PDB file of N, CA and C in Angstrom:
ATOM      1  N   UNK A   1     -21.675  45.795 -16.237  1.00  0.00           N
ATOM      2  CA  UNK A   1     -21.194  44.379 -16.688  1.00  0.00           C
ATOM      3  C   UNK A   1     -19.986  44.185 -17.403  1.00  0.00           C
ATOM      4  N   UNK A   2     -19.664  45.579 -17.965  1.00  0.00           N
ATOM      5  CA  UNK A   2     -18.789  45.554 -19.095  1.00  0.00           C
ATOM      6  C   UNK A   2     -17.341  45.786 -18.426  1.00  0.00           C
ATOM      7  N   UNK A   3     -17.513  46.398 -17.008  1.00  0.00           N
ATOM      8  CA  UNK A   3     -16.340  46.533 -16.366  1.00  0.00           C
ATOM      9  C   UNK A   3     -15.818  45.387 -15.694  1.00  0.00           C
ATOM     10  N   UNK A   4     -16.877  44.332 -15.585  1.00  0.00           N
ATOM     11  CA  UNK A   4     -16.350  43.211 -14.480  1.00  0.00           C
ATOM     12  C   UNK A   4     -15.766  42.281 -15.738  1.00  0.00           C
ATOM     13  N   UNK A   5     -16.267  42.158 -16.909  1.00  0.00           N
ATOM     14  CA  UNK A   5     -15.608  41.554 -18.058  1.00  0.00           C
ATOM     15  C   UNK A   5     -14.171  42.155 -18.312  1.00  0.00           C
ATOM     16  N   UNK A   6     -13.818  43.262 -18.481  1.00  0.00           N
ATOM     17  CA  UNK A   6     -12.516  43.955 -18.783  1.00  0.00           C
ATOM     18  C   UNK A   6     -11.754  43.969 -17.385  1.00  0.00           C
ATOM     19  N   UNK A   7     -12.361  43.643 -16.475  1.00  0.00           N
ATOM     20  CA  UNK A   7     -11.452  42.942 -15.237  1.00  0.00           C
ATOM     21  C   UNK A   7     -10.992  41.487 -15.079  1.00  0.00           C
ATOM     22  N   UNK A   8     -11.799  41.016 -15.368  1.00  0.00           N
ATOM     23  CA  UNK A   8     -11.761  39.589 -15.721  1.00  0.00           C
ATOM     24  C   UNK A   8     -10.570  39.570 -16.953  1.00  0.00           C
ATOM     25  N   UNK A   9     -10.503  39.802 -17.889  1.00  0.00           N
ATOM     26  CA  UNK A   9      -9.691  39.860 -19.041  1.00  0.00           C
ATOM     27  C   UNK A   9      -8.504  40.534 -18.231  1.00  0.00           C
ATOM     28  N   UNK A  10      -8.230  41.531 -17.600  1.00  0.00           N
ATOM     29  CA  UNK A  10      -7.104  41.744 -16.833  1.00  0.00           C
ATOM     30  C   UNK A  10      -6.238  41.002 -16.152  1.00  0.00           C
ATOM     31  N   UNK A  11      -7.107  40.289 -15.142  1.00  0.00           N
ATOM     32  CA  UNK A  11      -6.762  39.492 -14.382  1.00  0.00           C
ATOM     33  C   UNK A  11      -6.359  38.254 -14.848  1.00  0.00           C
ATOM     34  N   UNK A  12      -6.643  37.855 -15.809  1.00  0.00           N
ATOM     35  CA  UNK A  12      -5.895  36.734 -16.974  1.00  0.00           C
ATOM     36  C   UNK A  12      -4.923  37.069 -17.563  1.00  0.00           C
ATOM     37  N   UNK A  13      -4.724  38.141 -18.104  1.00  0.00           N
ATOM     38  CA  UNK A  13      -3.232  38.902 -18.519  1.00  0.00           C
ATOM     39  C   UNK A  13      -2.437  38.608 -17.836  1.00  0.00           C
ATOM     40  N   UNK A  14      -2.717  39.345 -16.504  1.00  0.00           N
ATOM     41  CA  UNK A  14      -1.478  39.366 -15.221  1.00  0.00           C
ATOM     42  C   UNK A  14      -1.150  37.976 -15.241  1.00  0.00           C
ATOM     43  N   UNK A  15      -2.086  37.130 -14.730  1.00  0.00           N
ATOM     44  CA  UNK A  15      -1.968  35.692 -14.509  1.00  0.00           C
ATOM     45  C   UNK A  15      -0.842  35.012 -15.622  1.00  0.00           C
ATOM     46  N   UNK A  16      -1.542  35.157 -17.052  1.00  0.00           N
ATOM     47  CA  UNK A  16      -0.617  34.605 -18.026  1.00  0.00           C
ATOM     48  C   UNK A  16       0.819  35.542 -18.028  1.00  0.00           C
ATOM     49  N   UNK A  17       1.094  36.556 -17.831  1.00  0.00           N
ATOM     50  CA  UNK A  17       2.338  37.255 -17.748  1.00  0.00           C
ATOM     51  C   UNK A  17       3.069  36.720 -16.673  1.00  0.00           C
ATOM     52  N   UNK A  18       2.464  36.268 -15.567  1.00  0.00           N
ATOM     53  CA  UNK A  18       3.354  35.813 -13.771  1.00  0.00           C
ATOM     54  C   UNK A  18       3.867  34.504 -14.003  1.00  0.00           C
ATOM     55  N   UNK A  19       2.889  33.554 -15.077  1.00  0.00           N
ATOM     56  CA  UNK A  19       3.062  32.158 -15.324  1.00  0.00           C
ATOM     57  C   UNK A  19       4.080  32.012 -16.432  1.00  0.00           C
ATOM     58  N   UNK A  20       4.277  32.811 -17.381  1.00  0.00           N
ATOM     59  CA  UNK A  20       5.453  33.137 -18.512  1.00  0.00           C
ATOM     60  C   UNK A  20       6.665  33.337 -17.635  1.00  0.00           C
ATOM     61  N   UNK A  21       6.669  34.420 -16.802  1.00  0.00           N
ATOM     62  CA  UNK A  21       7.560  34.919 -15.915  1.00  0.00           C
ATOM     63  C   UNK A  21       8.295  33.487 -15.068  1.00  0.00           C
ATOM     64  N   UNK A  22       7.266  32.612 -14.436  1.00  0.00           N
ATOM     65  CA  UNK A  22       7.832  31.768 -13.579  1.00  0.00           C
ATOM     66  C   UNK A  22       8.576  30.669 -14.686  1.00  0.00           C
ATOM     67  N   UNK A  23       7.773  30.665 -15.701  1.00  0.00           N
ATOM     68  CA  UNK A  23       8.406  29.187 -16.512  1.00  0.00           C
ATOM     69  C   UNK A  23       9.806  29.758 -16.799  1.00  0.00           C
ATOM     70  N   UNK A  24      10.062  30.911 -17.277  1.00  0.00           N
ATOM     71  CA  UNK A  24      11.513  31.576 -17.789  1.00  0.00           C
ATOM     72  C   UNK A  24      12.404  31.362 -16.544  1.00  0.00           C
ATOM     73  N   UNK A  25      12.033  31.654 -15.202  1.00  0.00           N
ATOM     74  CA  UNK A  25      12.832  31.752 -14.346  1.00  0.00           C
ATOM     75  C   UNK A  25      12.946  30.256 -13.774  1.00  0.00           C
ATOM     76  N   UNK A  26      12.297  29.386 -13.978  1.00  0.00           N
ATOM     77  CA  UNK A  26      12.602  28.000 -13.501  1.00  0.00           C
ATOM     78  C   UNK A  26      13.093  27.163 -14.833  1.00  0.00           C
ATOM     79  N   UNK A  27      13.238  27.982 -16.089  1.00  0.00           N
ATOM     80  CA  UNK A  27      14.198  27.323 -16.744  1.00  0.00           C
ATOM     81  C   UNK A  27      15.635  27.701 -16.874  1.00  0.00           C
ATOM     82  N   UNK A  28      15.792  29.137 -16.418  1.00  0.00           N
ATOM     83  CA  UNK A  28      17.008  29.459 -15.931  1.00  0.00           C
ATOM     84  C   UNK A  28      17.589  28.834 -14.963  1.00  0.00           C
ATOM     85  N   UNK A  29      16.838  28.722 -14.319  1.00  0.00           N
ATOM     86  CA  UNK A  29      17.381  28.314 -12.813  1.00  0.00           C
ATOM     87  C   UNK A  29      17.855  26.486 -13.168  1.00  0.00           C
ATOM     88  N   UNK A  30      16.878  25.827 -13.930  1.00  0.00           N
ATOM     89  CA  UNK A  30      17.309  24.428 -14.151  1.00  0.00           C
ATOM     90  C   UNK A  30      18.774  24.420 -14.898  1.00  0.00           C
ATOM     91  N   UNK A  31      18.949  25.477 -16.049  1.00  0.00           N
ATOM     92  CA  UNK A  31      20.105  25.419 -16.862  1.00  0.00           C
ATOM     93  C   UNK A  31      21.155  25.963 -15.929  1.00  0.00           C
ATOM     94  N   UNK A  32      21.099  26.912 -14.773  1.00  0.00           N
ATOM     95  CA  UNK A  32      22.441  27.182 -14.221  1.00  0.00           C
ATOM     96  C   UNK A  32      22.657  26.050 -13.183  1.00  0.00           C
ATOM     97  N   UNK A  33      21.828  25.491 -12.770  1.00  0.00           N
ATOM     98  CA  UNK A  33      22.006  24.260 -11.823  1.00  0.00           C
ATOM     99  C   UNK A  33      22.266  22.872 -12.281  1.00  0.00           C
ATOM    100  N   UNK A  34      22.239  22.732 -13.649  1.00  0.00           N
ATOM    101  CA  UNK A  34      22.381  21.387 -14.393  1.00  0.00           C
ATOM    102  C   UNK A  34      23.933  21.155 -14.017  1.00  0.00           C
ATOM    103  N   UNK A  35      24.908  21.902 -14.528  1.00  0.00           N
ATOM    104  CA  UNK A  35      26.030  21.151 -14.064  1.00  0.00           C
ATOM    105  C   UNK A  35      26.452  20.671 -12.674  1.00  0.00           C
ATOM    106  N   UNK A  36      25.892  21.186 -11.553  1.00  0.00           N
ATOM    107  CA  UNK A  36      25.919  21.046 -10.278  1.00  0.00           C
ATOM    108  C   UNK A  36      25.220  19.806 -10.112  1.00  0.00           C
ATOM    109  N   UNK A  37      23.974  19.564 -10.671  1.00  0.00           N
ATOM    110  CA  UNK A  37      23.372  18.417 -10.672  1.00  0.00           C
ATOM    111  C   UNK A  37      24.050  17.149 -11.045  1.00  0.00           C
ATOM    112  N   UNK A  38      24.686  17.382 -12.448  1.00  0.00           N
ATOM    113  CA  UNK A  38      25.322  16.177 -13.059  1.00  0.00           C
ATOM    114  C   UNK A  38      26.588  15.728 -12.216  1.00  0.00           C
ATOM    115  N   UNK A  39      27.352  17.039 -11.554  1.00  0.00           N
ATOM    116  CA  UNK A  39      28.742  16.329 -11.018  1.00  0.00           C
ATOM    117  C   UNK A  39      27.870  15.566  -9.173  1.00  0.00           C
ATOM    118  N   UNK A  40      27.053  16.117  -9.145  1.00  0.00           N
ATOM    119  CA  UNK A  40      26.644  15.465  -7.665  1.00  0.00           C
ATOM    120  C   UNK A  40      25.911  13.909  -8.263  1.00  0.00           C
ATOM    121  N   UNK A  41      25.377  13.999  -9.202  1.00  0.00           N
ATOM    122  CA  UNK A  41      25.065  12.505  -9.702  1.00  0.00           C
ATOM    123  C   UNK A  41      25.884  11.574  -9.887  1.00  0.00           C
ATOM    124  N   UNK A  42      27.142  12.089 -10.583  1.00  0.00           N
ATOM    125  CA  UNK A  42      28.284  11.314 -10.743  1.00  0.00           C
ATOM    126  C   UNK A  42      29.021  10.751  -9.445  1.00  0.00           C
ATOM    127  N   UNK A  43      29.209  11.616  -8.313  1.00  0.00           N
ATOM    128  CA  UNK A  43      29.865  11.559  -7.242  1.00  0.00           C
ATOM    129  C   UNK A  43      28.928  10.740  -6.256  1.00  0.00           C
ATOM    130  N   UNK A  44      27.521  10.729  -6.418  1.00  0.00           N
ATOM    131  CA  UNK A  44      26.605   9.732  -5.251  1.00  0.00           C
ATOM    132  C   UNK A  44      26.323   8.802  -5.938  1.00  0.00           C
ATOM    133  N   UNK A  45      26.730   8.188  -7.262  1.00  0.00           N
ATOM    134  CA  UNK A  45      26.329   6.899  -7.610  1.00  0.00           C
ATOM    135  C   UNK A  45      26.910   6.002  -6.767  1.00  0.00           C
ATOM    136  N   UNK A  46      28.148   5.941  -6.379  1.00  0.00           N
ATOM    137  CA  UNK A  46      28.607   4.768  -5.950  1.00  0.00           C
ATOM    138  C   UNK A  46      27.709   4.577  -4.286  1.00  0.00           C
ATOM    139  N   UNK A  47      27.215   5.426  -3.498  1.00  0.00           N
ATOM    140  CA  UNK A  47      26.590   5.788  -2.616  1.00  0.00           C
ATOM    141  C   UNK A  47      25.195   5.008  -2.896  1.00  0.00           C
ATOM    142  N   UNK A  48      24.657   5.131  -4.155  1.00  0.00           N
ATOM    143  CA  UNK A  48      23.055   4.432  -4.701  1.00  0.00           C
ATOM    144  C   UNK A  48      23.412   3.111  -4.660  1.00  0.00           C
ATOM    145  N   UNK A  49      24.663   2.492  -5.324  1.00  0.00           N
ATOM    146  CA  UNK A  49      24.959   1.202  -5.183  1.00  0.00           C
ATOM    147  C   UNK A  49      25.159   0.831  -4.138  1.00  0.00           C
ATOM    148  N   UNK A  50      25.550   1.292  -3.008  1.00  0.00           N
ATOM    149  CA  UNK A  50      26.037   0.714  -1.743  1.00  0.00           C
ATOM    150  C   UNK A  50      24.635   0.662  -1.092  1.00  0.00           C
ATOM    151  N   UNK A  51      23.641   1.773  -0.694  1.00  0.00           N
ATOM    152  CA  UNK A  51      22.499   1.633  -0.586  1.00  0.00           C
ATOM    153  C   UNK A  51      21.410   0.281  -1.082  1.00  0.00           C
ATOM    154  N   UNK A  52      21.721   0.083  -2.469  1.00  0.00           N
ATOM    155  CA  UNK A  52      20.962  -0.745  -2.972  1.00  0.00           C
ATOM    156  C   UNK A  52      21.431  -2.130  -2.531  1.00  0.00           C
ATOM    157  N   UNK A  53      23.036  -2.448  -2.072  1.00  0.00           N
ATOM    158  CA  UNK A  53      23.411  -3.691  -1.719  1.00  0.00           C
ATOM    159  C   UNK A  53      23.074  -4.054  -0.311  1.00  0.00           C
ATOM    160  N   UNK A  54      23.094  -2.839   0.472  1.00  0.00           N
ATOM    161  CA  UNK A  54      22.705  -2.828   1.819  1.00  0.00           C
ATOM    162  C   UNK A  54      21.135  -3.366   2.200  1.00  0.00           C
ATOM    163  N   UNK A  55      20.342  -2.581   1.332  1.00  0.00           N
ATOM    164  CA  UNK A  55      18.898  -3.166   0.929  1.00  0.00           C
ATOM    165  C   UNK A  55      18.619  -4.585   0.838  1.00  0.00           C
ATOM    166  N   UNK A  56      19.590  -4.945  -0.272  1.00  0.00           N
ATOM    167  CA  UNK A  56      19.247  -6.067  -0.827  1.00  0.00           C
ATOM    168  C   UNK A  56      19.521  -7.284   0.320  1.00  0.00           C
ATOM    169  N   UNK A  57      20.628  -6.877   0.950  1.00  0.00           N
ATOM    170  CA  UNK A  57      20.867  -7.838   2.168  1.00  0.00           C
ATOM    171  C   UNK A  57      19.926  -7.946   3.268  1.00  0.00           C
ATOM    172  N   UNK A  58      19.510  -6.693   3.609  1.00  0.00           N
ATOM    173  CA  UNK A  58      18.717  -6.643   4.811  1.00  0.00           C
ATOM    174  C   UNK A  58      17.212  -7.372   4.291  1.00  0.00           C
ATOM    175  N   UNK A  59      17.107  -7.202   3.013  1.00  0.00           N
ATOM    176  CA  UNK A  59      15.643  -8.061   2.782  1.00  0.00           C
ATOM    177  C   UNK A  59      15.976  -9.479   2.795  1.00  0.00           C
ATOM    178  N   UNK A  60      17.084  -9.940   2.218  1.00  0.00           N
ATOM    179  CA  UNK A  60      17.490 -11.720   2.569  1.00  0.00           C
ATOM    180  C   UNK A  60      17.373 -11.920   3.884  1.00  0.00           C
ATOM    181  N   UNK A  61      17.910 -11.005   4.775  1.00  0.00           N
ATOM    182  CA  UNK A  61      18.068 -11.244   6.224  1.00  0.00           C
ATOM    183  C   UNK A  61      16.710 -11.433   6.891  1.00  0.00           C
ATOM    184  N   UNK A  62      15.943 -10.251   6.666  1.00  0.00           N
ATOM    185  CA  UNK A  62      14.700 -10.342   7.197  1.00  0.00           C
ATOM    186  C   UNK A  62      13.549 -10.892   6.866  1.00  0.00           C
ATOM    187  N   UNK A  63      13.756 -11.652   5.913  1.00  0.00           N
ATOM    188  CA  UNK A  63      12.458 -12.118   4.881  1.00  0.00           C
ATOM    189  C   UNK A  63      11.845 -13.182   5.965  1.00  0.00           C
ATOM    190  N   UNK A  64      12.965 -14.294   6.342  1.00  0.00           N
ATOM    191  CA  UNK A  64      12.282 -15.321   6.988  1.00  0.00           C
ATOM    192  C   UNK A  64      11.700 -14.918   8.386  1.00  0.00           C
ATOM    193  N   UNK A  65      12.218 -13.970   8.857  1.00  0.00           N
ATOM    194  CA  UNK A  65      11.707 -13.266  10.325  1.00  0.00           C
ATOM    195  C   UNK A  65      10.102 -12.875   9.795  1.00  0.00           C
ATOM    196  N   UNK A  66       9.922 -12.059   8.733  1.00  0.00           N
ATOM    197  CA  UNK A  66       8.992 -11.500   8.330  1.00  0.00           C
ATOM    198  C   UNK A  66       7.820 -12.536   8.068  1.00  0.00           C
ATOM    199  N   UNK A  67       8.086 -13.767   7.437  1.00  0.00           N
ATOM    200  CA  UNK A  67       7.514 -14.714   6.965  1.00  0.00           C
ATOM    201  C   UNK A  67       6.617 -15.328   8.231  1.00  0.00           C
ATOM    202  N   UNK A  68       7.623 -15.671   9.216  1.00  0.00           N
ATOM    203  CA  UNK A  68       7.380 -16.307  10.592  1.00  0.00           C
ATOM    204  C   UNK A  68       6.195 -15.181  11.446  1.00  0.00           C
ATOM    205  N   UNK A  69       6.636 -14.099  11.420  1.00  0.00           N
ATOM    206  CA  UNK A  69       5.852 -13.186  12.193  1.00  0.00           C
ATOM    207  C   UNK A  69       4.498 -13.253  11.529  1.00  0.00           C
ATOM    208  N   UNK A  70       4.164 -13.344   9.956  1.00  0.00           N
ATOM    209  CA  UNK A  70       3.047 -13.000   9.191  1.00  0.00           C
ATOM    210  C   UNK A  70       2.205 -14.631   9.687  1.00  0.00           C
ATOM    211  N   UNK A  71       2.598 -15.732   9.892  1.00  0.00           N
ATOM    212  CA  UNK A  71       2.093 -16.895  10.069  1.00  0.00           C
ATOM    213  C   UNK A  71       1.627 -16.612  11.416  1.00  0.00           C
ATOM    214  N   UNK A  72       2.566 -16.405  12.281  1.00  0.00           N
ATOM    215  CA  UNK A  72       1.673 -16.276  13.935  1.00  0.00           C
ATOM    216  C   UNK A  72       0.537 -15.308  14.014  1.00  0.00           C
ATOM    217  N   UNK A  73       0.862 -13.992  13.018  1.00  0.00           N
ATOM    218  CA  UNK A  73      -0.399 -13.228  13.012  1.00  0.00           C
ATOM    219  C   UNK A  73      -1.628 -13.711  12.145  1.00  0.00           C
ATOM    220  N   UNK A  74      -1.240 -14.703  11.307  1.00  0.00           N
ATOM    221  CA  UNK A  74      -2.497 -15.175  10.754  1.00  0.00           C
ATOM    222  C   UNK A  74      -3.183 -16.601  11.781  1.00  0.00           C
ATOM    223  N   UNK A  75      -2.150 -17.247  12.753  1.00  0.00           N
ATOM    224  CA  UNK A  75      -2.748 -18.182  13.465  1.00  0.00           C
ATOM    225  C   UNK A  75      -3.683 -17.431  14.626  1.00  0.00           C
ATOM    226  N   UNK A  76      -3.016 -16.125  14.767  1.00  0.00           N
ATOM    227  CA  UNK A  76      -3.840 -15.342  16.236  1.00  0.00           C
ATOM    228  C   UNK A  76      -5.177 -14.993  15.528  1.00  0.00           C
ATOM    229  N   UNK A  77      -5.192 -14.497  14.121  1.00  0.00           N
ATOM    230  CA  UNK A  77      -6.497 -14.130  13.741  1.00  0.00           C
ATOM    231  C   UNK A  77      -7.642 -15.093  13.828  1.00  0.00           C
ATOM    232  N   UNK A  78      -7.106 -16.325  12.946  1.00  0.00           N
ATOM    233  CA  UNK A  78      -7.809 -17.259  13.115  1.00  0.00           C
ATOM    234  C   UNK A  78      -8.517 -17.991  14.320  1.00  0.00           C
ATOM    235  N   UNK A  79      -7.309 -17.829  15.100  1.00  0.00           N
ATOM    236  CA  UNK A  79      -8.098 -18.250  16.925  1.00  0.00           C
ATOM    237  C   UNK A  79      -8.699 -17.192  17.222  1.00  0.00           C
ATOM    238  N   UNK A  80      -8.664 -16.096  17.022  1.00  0.00           N
ATOM    239  CA  UNK A  80      -9.595 -14.929  17.663  1.00  0.00           C
ATOM    240  C   UNK A  80     -10.927 -14.662  16.949  1.00  0.00           C
ATOM    241  N   UNK A  81     -10.966 -15.356  15.544  1.00  0.00           N
ATOM    242  CA  UNK A  81     -12.312 -15.676  15.259  1.00  0.00           C
ATOM    243  C   UNK A  81     -12.891 -16.816  15.629  1.00  0.00           C
ATOM    244  N   UNK A  82     -12.110 -17.969  16.134  1.00  0.00           N
ATOM    245  CA  UNK A  82     -12.868 -19.175  16.156  1.00  0.00           C
ATOM    246  C   UNK A  82     -13.294 -19.416  17.421  1.00  0.00           C
ATOM    247  N   UNK A  83     -12.485 -18.719  18.277  1.00  0.00           N
ATOM    248  CA  UNK A  83     -12.736 -18.687  19.930  1.00  0.00           C
ATOM    249  C   UNK A  83     -14.548 -18.314  20.389  1.00  0.00           C
ATOM    250  N   UNK A  84     -14.953 -17.142  19.655  1.00  0.00           N
ATOM    251  CA  UNK A  84     -16.447 -16.992  19.935  1.00  0.00           C
ATOM    252  C   UNK A  84     -17.226 -17.778  19.423  1.00  0.00           C
ATOM    253  N   UNK A  85     -16.754 -18.445  18.323  1.00  0.00           N
ATOM    254  CA  UNK A  85     -18.036 -19.143  17.677  1.00  0.00           C
ATOM    255  C   UNK A  85     -18.149 -20.791  18.351  1.00  0.00           C
ATOM    256  N   UNK A  86     -17.248 -20.736  19.095  1.00  0.00           N
ATOM    257  CA  UNK A  86     -17.262 -22.144  20.081  1.00  0.00           C
ATOM    258  C   UNK A  86     -18.226 -22.787  20.034  1.00  0.00           C
ATOM    259  N   UNK A  87     -19.366 -22.129  21.319  1.00  0.00           N
ATOM    260  CA  UNK A  87     -20.409 -22.283  21.648  1.00  0.00           C
ATOM    261  C   UNK A  87     -21.535 -22.764  20.817  1.00  0.00           C
ATOM    262  N   UNK A  88     -21.576 -21.707  19.246  1.00  0.00           N
ATOM    263  CA  UNK A  88     -22.598 -22.101  18.459  1.00  0.00           C
ATOM    264  C   UNK A  88     -21.912 -23.655  17.706  1.00  0.00           C
ATOM    265  N   UNK A  89     -20.747 -23.804  17.660  1.00  0.00           N
ATOM    266  CA  UNK A  89     -19.868 -25.109  16.957  1.00  0.00           C
ATOM    267  C   UNK A  89     -20.491 -26.210  18.006  1.00  0.00           C
ATOM    268  N   UNK A  90     -20.560 -25.751  19.229  1.00  0.00           N
ATOM    269  CA  UNK A  90     -20.790 -27.160  20.421  1.00  0.00           C
ATOM    270  C   UNK A  90     -22.413 -27.547  20.292  1.00  0.00           C
ATOM    271  N   UNK A  91     -23.110 -26.043  19.915  1.00  0.00           N
ATOM    272  CA  UNK A  91     -24.718 -26.699  19.677  1.00  0.00           C
ATOM    273  C   UNK A  91     -24.877 -27.197  18.309  1.00  0.00           C
ATOM    274  N   UNK A  92     -24.287 -27.044  17.465  1.00  0.00           N
ATOM    275  CA  UNK A  92     -24.493 -27.547  16.061  1.00  0.00           C
ATOM    276  C   UNK A  92     -24.191 -29.265  16.564  1.00  0.00           C
ATOM    277  N   UNK A  93     -22.826 -29.455  16.904  1.00  0.00           N
ATOM    278  CA  UNK A  93     -22.256 -30.803  16.979  1.00  0.00           C
ATOM    279  C   UNK A  93     -23.452 -31.397  17.920  1.00  0.00           C
ATOM    280  N   UNK A  94     -23.924 -30.889  18.953  1.00  0.00           N
ATOM    281  CA  UNK A  94     -25.028 -31.766  19.749  1.00  0.00           C
ATOM    282  C   UNK A  94     -26.249 -32.067  19.118  1.00  0.00           C
ATOM    283  N   UNK A  95     -26.535 -31.011  18.366  1.00  0.00           N
ATOM    284  CA  UNK A  95     -27.648 -31.259  17.295  1.00  0.00           C
ATOM    285  C   UNK A  95     -27.800 -32.509  16.170  1.00  0.00           C
ATOM    286  N   UNK A  96     -26.276 -32.473  15.901  1.00  0.00           N
ATOM    287  CA  UNK A  96     -26.094 -33.362  14.655  1.00  0.00           C
ATOM    288  C   UNK A  96     -26.060 -34.999  15.173  1.00  0.00           C
ATOM    289  N   UNK A  97     -25.388 -34.932  16.592  1.00  0.00           N
ATOM    290  CA  UNK A  97     -25.542 -36.017  17.297  1.00  0.00           C
ATOM    291  C   UNK A  97     -26.964 -36.603  17.575  1.00  0.00           C
ATOM    292  N   UNK A  98     -27.792 -35.619  17.933  1.00  0.00           N
ATOM    293  CA  UNK A  98     -29.017 -36.184  18.221  1.00  0.00           C
ATOM    294  C   UNK A  98     -29.908 -36.533  16.950  1.00  0.00           C
ATOM    295  N   UNK A  99     -29.638 -36.115  16.013  1.00  0.00           N
ATOM    296  CA  UNK A  99     -30.226 -36.348  14.755  1.00  0.00           C
ATOM    297  C   UNK A  99     -29.725 -37.720  13.972  1.00  0.00           C
ATOM    298  N   UNK A 100     -28.517 -37.799  14.068  1.00  0.00           N
ATOM    299  CA  UNK A 100     -27.866 -38.946  13.773  1.00  0.00           C
ATOM    300  C   UNK A 100     -28.413 -40.308  14.759  1.00  0.00           C
ATOM    301  N   UNK A 101     -28.208 -40.348  15.903  1.00  0.00           N
ATOM    302  CA  UNK A 101     -28.816 -40.948  16.660  1.00  0.00           C
ATOM    303  C   UNK A 101     -30.372 -41.508  16.496  1.00  0.00           C
ATOM    304  N   UNK A 102     -31.008 -40.341  15.910  1.00  0.00           N
ATOM    305  CA  UNK A 102     -32.483 -40.657  15.900  1.00  0.00           C
ATOM    306  C   UNK A 102     -32.938 -41.312  14.630  1.00  0.00           C
ATOM    307  N   UNK A 103     -32.016 -41.329  13.464  1.00  0.00           N
ATOM    308  CA  UNK A 103     -32.345 -41.679  12.267  1.00  0.00           C
ATOM    309  C   UNK A 103     -31.738 -43.008  12.223  1.00  0.00           C
ATOM    310  N   UNK A 104     -32.162 -44.145  12.297  1.00  0.00           N
ATOM    311  CA  UNK A 104     -31.639 -45.586  12.002  1.00  0.00           C
ATOM    312  C   UNK A 104     -32.732 -45.855  10.909  1.00  0.00           C
ATOM    313  N   UNK A 105     -31.688 -45.913  10.137  1.00  0.00           N
ATOM    314  CA  UNK A 105     -32.368 -46.440   8.703  1.00  0.00           C
ATOM    315  C   UNK A 105     -32.248 -47.905   8.691  1.00  0.00           C
ATOM    316  N   UNK A 106     -32.927 -48.830   8.271  1.00  0.00           N
ATOM    317  CA  UNK A 106     -32.562 -50.472   8.039  1.00  0.00           C
ATOM    318  C   UNK A 106     -33.159 -50.812   6.862  1.00  0.00           C
ATOM    319  N   UNK A 107     -31.967 -51.062   6.068  1.00  0.00           N
ATOM    320  CA  UNK A 107     -32.088 -51.350   4.515  1.00  0.00           C
ATOM    321  C   UNK A 107     -32.063 -52.732   4.296  1.00  0.00           C
ATOM    322  N   UNK A 108     -33.165 -53.159   3.954  1.00  0.00           N
ATOM    323  CA  UNK A 108     -33.544 -54.916   3.325  1.00  0.00           C
ATOM    324  C   UNK A 108     -32.218 -55.270   2.517  1.00  0.00           C
ATOM    325  N   UNK A 109     -31.238 -56.063   3.228  1.00  0.00           N
ATOM    326  CA  UNK A 109     -30.255 -56.633   2.596  1.00  0.00           C
ATOM    327  C   UNK A 109     -30.610 -57.822   1.666  1.00  0.00           C
ATOM    328  N   UNK A 110     -30.408 -58.072   0.187  1.00  0.00           N
ATOM    329  CA  UNK A 110     -30.856 -59.073  -0.399  1.00  0.00           C
ATOM    330  C   UNK A 110     -29.766 -60.139  -0.768  1.00  0.00           C
TER     331      UNK A 110
END
């Protein structure tokens, strides 16, 4: 049992050392590539602005088409739900007509 605990402790130490080495390597790589990242961000900033401008224009142009499409989809959905209910609505309407015709209340006017 002691051997198993010792083996677990050794595995934990090895894992900790590997994680420290990975962190050091990541930090060094980040520091080495930092100037390249800064230069690329400065060079690509106009392209980012152009992308935002084109995206905004596309949203302005395509919004009416999207609204019309959504309205058509909503109407289609409502019709698709209402059409199977038409026989039930017809039966309910006939029952309402029969009950309405049968109840003739005469109120005495004073």
